[in-house]
Amino acid sequence: MKVLLFISLVLLSSCATRKRTALDFDFTLSDDSKESLTLWATNYYTPIFQARMNGIPLKDLGENSLVNGVYPVLLTKKEWCFSAMEGSVAIKFPGGDQKTFNYAGKTSRQVDCSPFFGEDFPETDKVRFRAANSRWGDGVQNYSLIPYRTIAVDPKFIPFGSVIYIPEAKGVKFMWVGKQFTHDGFFFAGDRGGAIKGPHIDVFTGNSKNHEFSFIGNRKSKTFEAFKIEDDEVIEDLTRLHKIFY
């Protein structure tokens, strides 16, 4: 029901303003100048978990345990660690309410996540959270995360706010909010990640770890060609869409 309400609101907004929405994948590649890049990719997502009555609390930067109304925000150790690794989590509470919580920063170690990730990601243990502004989570610079659009980047290599076109993504069919879409190949650099360095991008795939993108190889050796787009209209439109709280 909430998904249908979201789609209805987006489509209503589109009719009223005649502007693209987050559900539109119809950008086209122009002849404007574009910079060729060689990248490799992983993906990340916002997992959905049921609220626990006992477990490990999500804490804010002030070390306060988060709550949603009368309910504490508690997860199992594994759920907590995967939420910290992904950077956001959606939690379903009694009564059907679903709330998303986002990475807020790091303080001291709260949980030992090495049983799940080994010793390579010690900073995951220190993550703190806050309530997200958008249903799928928040990126950098007050951008909302948009499934199949947002990518996390190293801003020293790809500046935030850049638009990246990936030829291998064009024409890929995928399911989202109960509908099938055909991707246009355009992505927006609206997030960052601690493990994202240089030509590595992380593609946001909504609430699912699974995806249909063959260019995502999860290893440095699986590279692909991409282009940094300089089309002002495309950049303006994707920036506007990422500034909306969904």
Protein backbone atom coordinates (compact mmCIF):
# COMPACT_ATOMS: atom_id res chain seq x y z
CA MET A 1 0.00 0.00 0.00
CA LYS A 2 2.81 2.43 0.86
CA VAL A 3 4.56 1.62 -2.41
CA LEU A 4 1.37 2.38 -4.35
CA LEU A 5 0.96 5.63 -2.44
CA PHE A 6 4.55 6.59 -3.27
CA ILE A 7 4.02 5.88 -6.98
CA SER A 8 0.74 7.83 -6.98
CA LEU A 9 2.35 10.87 -5.33
CA VAL A 10 5.27 10.83 -7.74
CA LEU A 11 3.02 10.55 -10.79
CA LEU A 12 0.71 13.27 -9.47
CA SER A 13 3.70 15.55 -9.02
CA SER A 14 4.81 14.76 -12.55
CA CYS A 15 1.41 15.66 -14.01
CA ALA A 16 1.33 18.92 -12.08
CA THR A 17 4.84 20.07 -12.95
CA ARG A 18 5.53 18.16 -16.20
CA LYS A 19 8.99 17.38 -14.91
CA ARG A 20 10.86 14.11 -14.72
CA THR A 21 10.43 12.06 -11.59
CA ALA A 22 12.53 9.40 -9.88
CA LEU A 23 10.49 6.84 -11.82
CA ASP A 24 11.59 8.16 -15.22
CA PHE A 25 14.57 6.51 -16.89
CA ASP A 26 14.45 8.32 -20.22
CA PHE A 27 17.54 10.50 -20.47
CA THR A 28 19.34 10.40 -23.82
CA LEU A 29 23.00 10.86 -24.62
CA SER A 30 23.73 14.14 -26.40
CA ASP A 31 26.74 15.26 -28.40
CA ASP A 32 27.97 17.47 -25.56
CA SER A 33 31.53 16.95 -24.41
CA LYS A 34 32.11 13.95 -22.18
CA GLU A 35 35.16 12.56 -20.42
CA SER A 36 35.96 8.87 -20.81
CA LEU A 37 36.59 6.90 -17.61
CA THR A 38 37.59 3.33 -16.80
CA LEU A 39 35.77 2.21 -13.65
CA TRP A 40 34.94 -0.87 -11.61
CA ALA A 41 31.82 -1.32 -9.50
CA THR A 42 30.20 -2.87 -6.47
CA ASN A 43 26.68 -2.26 -5.18
CA TYR A 44 25.13 -1.33 -1.85
CA TYR A 45 21.59 -1.29 -0.52
CA THR A 46 19.36 -0.38 2.43
CA PRO A 47 18.36 -3.65 4.14
CA ILE A 48 14.93 -4.02 5.72
CA PHE A 49 14.70 -5.66 9.15
CA GLN A 50 11.95 -6.23 11.69
CA ALA A 51 12.25 -4.28 14.95
CA ARG A 52 13.50 -6.35 17.87
CA MET A 53 12.34 -6.21 21.45
CA ASN A 54 15.82 -7.19 22.58
CA GLY A 55 19.11 -6.56 20.87
CA ILE A 56 21.78 -3.97 20.12
CA PRO A 57 20.58 -0.35 19.98
CA LEU A 58 21.26 2.07 17.17
CA LYS A 59 22.88 5.11 18.81
CA ASP A 60 23.34 8.69 17.68
CA LEU A 61 26.57 10.70 17.88
CA GLY A 62 25.65 11.76 21.42
CA GLU A 63 25.53 8.06 22.45
CA ASN A 64 21.75 8.21 22.90
CA SER A 65 19.83 5.08 21.92
CA LEU A 66 17.43 5.88 19.09
CA VAL A 67 13.67 5.36 19.44
CA ASN A 68 10.70 5.44 17.09
CA GLY A 69 7.74 6.61 19.12
CA VAL A 70 7.53 4.21 22.07
CA TYR A 71 9.70 1.57 20.42
CA PRO A 72 13.47 1.29 20.90
CA VAL A 73 15.51 0.78 17.73
CA LEU A 74 17.13 -2.61 18.34
CA LEU A 75 18.71 -5.14 15.98
CA THR A 76 20.58 -8.41 16.23
CA LYS A 77 24.37 -8.22 16.08
CA LYS A 78 24.45 -9.39 12.45
CA GLU A 79 21.70 -6.94 11.45
CA TRP A 80 23.48 -4.09 13.23
CA CYS A 81 26.78 -4.85 11.47
CA PHE A 82 25.24 -5.11 8.02
CA SER A 83 23.35 -1.87 8.59
CA ALA A 84 26.59 -0.16 9.61
CA MET A 85 28.41 -1.56 6.58
CA GLU A 86 25.70 -0.50 4.11
CA GLY A 87 25.25 2.93 5.71
CA SER A 88 21.48 2.80 6.16
CA VAL A 89 18.72 0.48 7.33
CA ALA A 90 14.92 0.40 7.11
CA ILE A 91 13.18 -1.06 10.17
CA LYS A 92 9.59 -2.27 10.34
CA PHE A 93 7.89 -1.55 13.66
CA PRO A 94 4.71 -3.02 15.16
CA GLY A 95 1.63 -1.58 13.50
CA GLY A 96 3.24 -1.44 10.07
CA ASP A 97 5.32 1.71 10.49
CA GLN A 98 8.64 1.60 8.61
CA LYS A 99 11.46 4.01 9.40
CA THR A 100 14.85 4.46 7.75
CA PHE A 101 18.00 5.26 9.71
CA ASN A 102 21.17 6.60 8.16
CA TYR A 103 24.88 6.72 8.86
CA ALA A 104 25.61 9.77 11.04
CA GLY A 105 29.32 9.36 11.75
CA LYS A 106 31.64 7.37 14.01
CA THR A 107 32.65 7.54 17.66
CA SER A 108 33.93 4.69 19.83
CA ARG A 109 33.60 0.98 19.19
CA GLN A 110 30.13 -0.37 19.99
CA VAL A 111 30.00 -3.77 18.26
CA ASP A 112 32.60 -6.27 17.08
CA CYS A 113 31.70 -6.92 13.42
CA SER A 114 34.80 -8.96 12.60
CA PRO A 115 32.86 -12.27 12.60
CA PHE A 116 31.05 -10.99 9.49
CA PHE A 117 33.66 -8.87 7.71
CA GLY A 118 37.01 -10.04 9.06
CA GLU A 119 39.60 -7.54 10.25
CA ASP A 120 39.51 -5.32 7.14
CA PHE A 121 36.71 -2.97 8.23
CA PRO A 122 37.31 -2.02 11.90
CA GLU A 123 35.62 1.38 11.49
CA THR A 124 32.28 -0.39 10.94
CA ASP A 125 32.24 -1.17 14.68
CA LYS A 126 32.07 2.57 15.49
CA VAL A 127 29.14 3.67 13.31
CA ARG A 128 26.39 5.87 14.72
CA PHE A 129 22.98 6.54 13.17
CA ARG A 130 20.27 9.17 12.78
CA ALA A 131 16.76 9.21 11.35
CA ALA A 132 16.96 9.54 7.56
CA ASN A 133 15.17 12.24 5.61
CA SER A 134 14.30 9.97 2.70
CA ARG A 135 12.70 6.51 2.53
CA TRP A 136 15.80 4.80 1.04
CA GLY A 137 18.36 6.79 3.00
CA ASP A 138 20.45 9.93 2.54
CA GLY A 139 23.60 10.58 0.58
CA VAL A 140 26.01 13.50 0.89
CA GLN A 141 25.19 17.22 0.62
CA ASN A 142 21.49 16.67 1.46
CA TYR A 143 20.99 14.37 -1.53
CA SER A 144 18.43 11.59 -1.24
CA LEU A 145 19.41 8.10 -2.31
CA ILE A 146 17.48 6.99 -5.40
CA PRO A 147 17.58 3.27 -6.28
CA TYR A 148 19.37 2.47 -9.56
CA ARG A 149 20.36 6.16 -9.96
CA THR A 150 22.66 7.08 -7.07
CA ILE A 151 26.29 6.02 -6.98
CA ALA A 152 28.80 6.44 -4.18
CA VAL A 153 32.13 7.80 -5.40
CA ASP A 154 35.55 9.01 -4.33
CA PRO A 155 35.10 12.80 -4.72
CA LYS A 156 38.80 13.17 -5.55
CA PHE A 157 38.18 11.07 -8.65
CA ILE A 158 34.52 11.84 -9.48
CA PRO A 159 33.18 15.05 -7.87
CA PHE A 160 29.84 14.92 -6.06
CA GLY A 161 27.03 16.07 -8.32
CA SER A 162 28.60 14.54 -11.43
CA VAL A 163 26.55 12.53 -13.92
CA ILE A 164 28.09 9.29 -15.15
CA TYR A 165 26.88 7.44 -18.24
CA ILE A 166 27.55 3.69 -18.36
CA PRO A 167 26.85 2.16 -21.80
CA GLU A 168 26.56 -1.35 -20.31
CA ALA A 169 23.65 -0.17 -18.13
CA LYS A 170 21.58 1.19 -21.02
CA GLY A 171 18.70 -1.11 -21.89
CA VAL A 172 18.98 -3.22 -18.73
CA LYS A 173 15.54 -4.19 -17.42
CA PHE A 174 15.01 -4.23 -13.66
CA MET A 175 12.20 -4.41 -11.12
CA TRP A 176 11.57 -1.62 -8.62
CA VAL A 177 8.43 -0.67 -6.59
CA GLY A 178 6.59 -3.54 -8.25
CA LYS A 179 7.19 -2.25 -11.79
CA GLN A 180 9.62 -3.10 -14.56
CA PHE A 181 11.91 -0.33 -15.81
CA THR A 182 14.46 -0.08 -18.61
CA HIS A 183 17.59 1.78 -17.57
CA ASP A 184 18.90 4.70 -19.61
CA GLY A 185 22.52 4.32 -18.45
CA PHE A 186 22.70 7.55 -16.42
CA PHE A 187 23.83 7.67 -12.77
CA PHE A 188 24.32 10.49 -10.25
CA ALA A 189 27.28 10.84 -7.88
CA GLY A 190 25.38 11.57 -4.67
CA ASP A 191 27.07 9.52 -1.98
CA ARG A 192 30.42 8.40 -0.66
CA GLY A 193 31.78 5.30 1.09
CA GLY A 194 34.79 4.64 3.26
CA ALA A 195 35.99 1.84 0.97
CA ILE A 196 35.34 3.74 -2.28
CA LYS A 197 38.68 4.91 -3.65
CA GLY A 198 39.75 6.12 -7.09
CA PRO A 199 37.91 4.54 -10.06
CA HIS A 200 35.69 2.40 -7.81
CA ILE A 201 31.96 3.27 -7.76
CA ASP A 202 29.23 1.77 -5.57
CA VAL A 203 25.78 1.52 -7.19
CA PHE A 204 22.76 1.94 -4.90
CA THR A 205 20.19 -0.80 -5.58
CA GLY A 206 17.40 0.18 -3.18
CA ASN A 207 16.30 -2.36 -0.59
CA SER A 208 17.76 -5.36 -2.38
CA LYS A 209 21.30 -6.67 -2.65
CA ASN A 210 20.36 -8.37 -5.91
CA HIS A 211 20.48 -6.51 -9.23
CA GLU A 212 20.55 -7.00 -13.02
CA PHE A 213 23.70 -5.00 -13.86
CA SER A 214 26.39 -7.15 -15.51
CA PHE A 215 28.98 -4.37 -15.26
CA ILE A 216 29.04 -4.73 -11.46
CA GLY A 217 31.84 -7.26 -11.03
CA ASN A 218 32.82 -6.66 -7.37
CA ARG A 219 36.53 -6.75 -8.22
CA LYS A 220 39.14 -4.31 -9.55
CA SER A 221 39.91 -6.49 -12.56
CA LYS A 222 36.31 -6.23 -13.85
CA THR A 223 36.52 -2.78 -15.42
CA PHE A 224 34.17 -1.07 -17.86
CA GLU A 225 34.00 2.12 -19.88
CA ALA A 226 31.97 5.06 -18.60
CA PHE A 227 31.65 8.74 -19.40
CA LYS A 228 31.43 11.85 -17.22
CA ILE A 229 28.60 13.84 -18.82
CA GLU A 230 28.72 17.62 -19.29
CA ASP A 231 25.10 18.05 -20.44
CA ASP A 232 23.77 20.88 -18.21
CA GLU A 233 20.13 19.83 -18.63
CA VAL A 234 20.77 16.25 -17.50
CA ILE A 235 22.91 17.41 -14.58
CA GLU A 236 20.27 19.92 -13.48
CA ASP A 237 17.45 17.37 -13.66
CA LEU A 238 19.28 14.63 -11.75
CA THR A 239 20.45 17.13 -9.13
CA ARG A 240 16.85 18.32 -8.65
CA LEU A 241 15.59 14.75 -8.25
CA HIS A 242 18.25 14.01 -5.63
CA LYS A 243 17.27 17.11 -3.64
CA ILE A 244 13.74 15.78 -3.05
CA PHE A 245 12.99 13.89 0.19
CA TYR A 246 10.96 10.83 -0.81
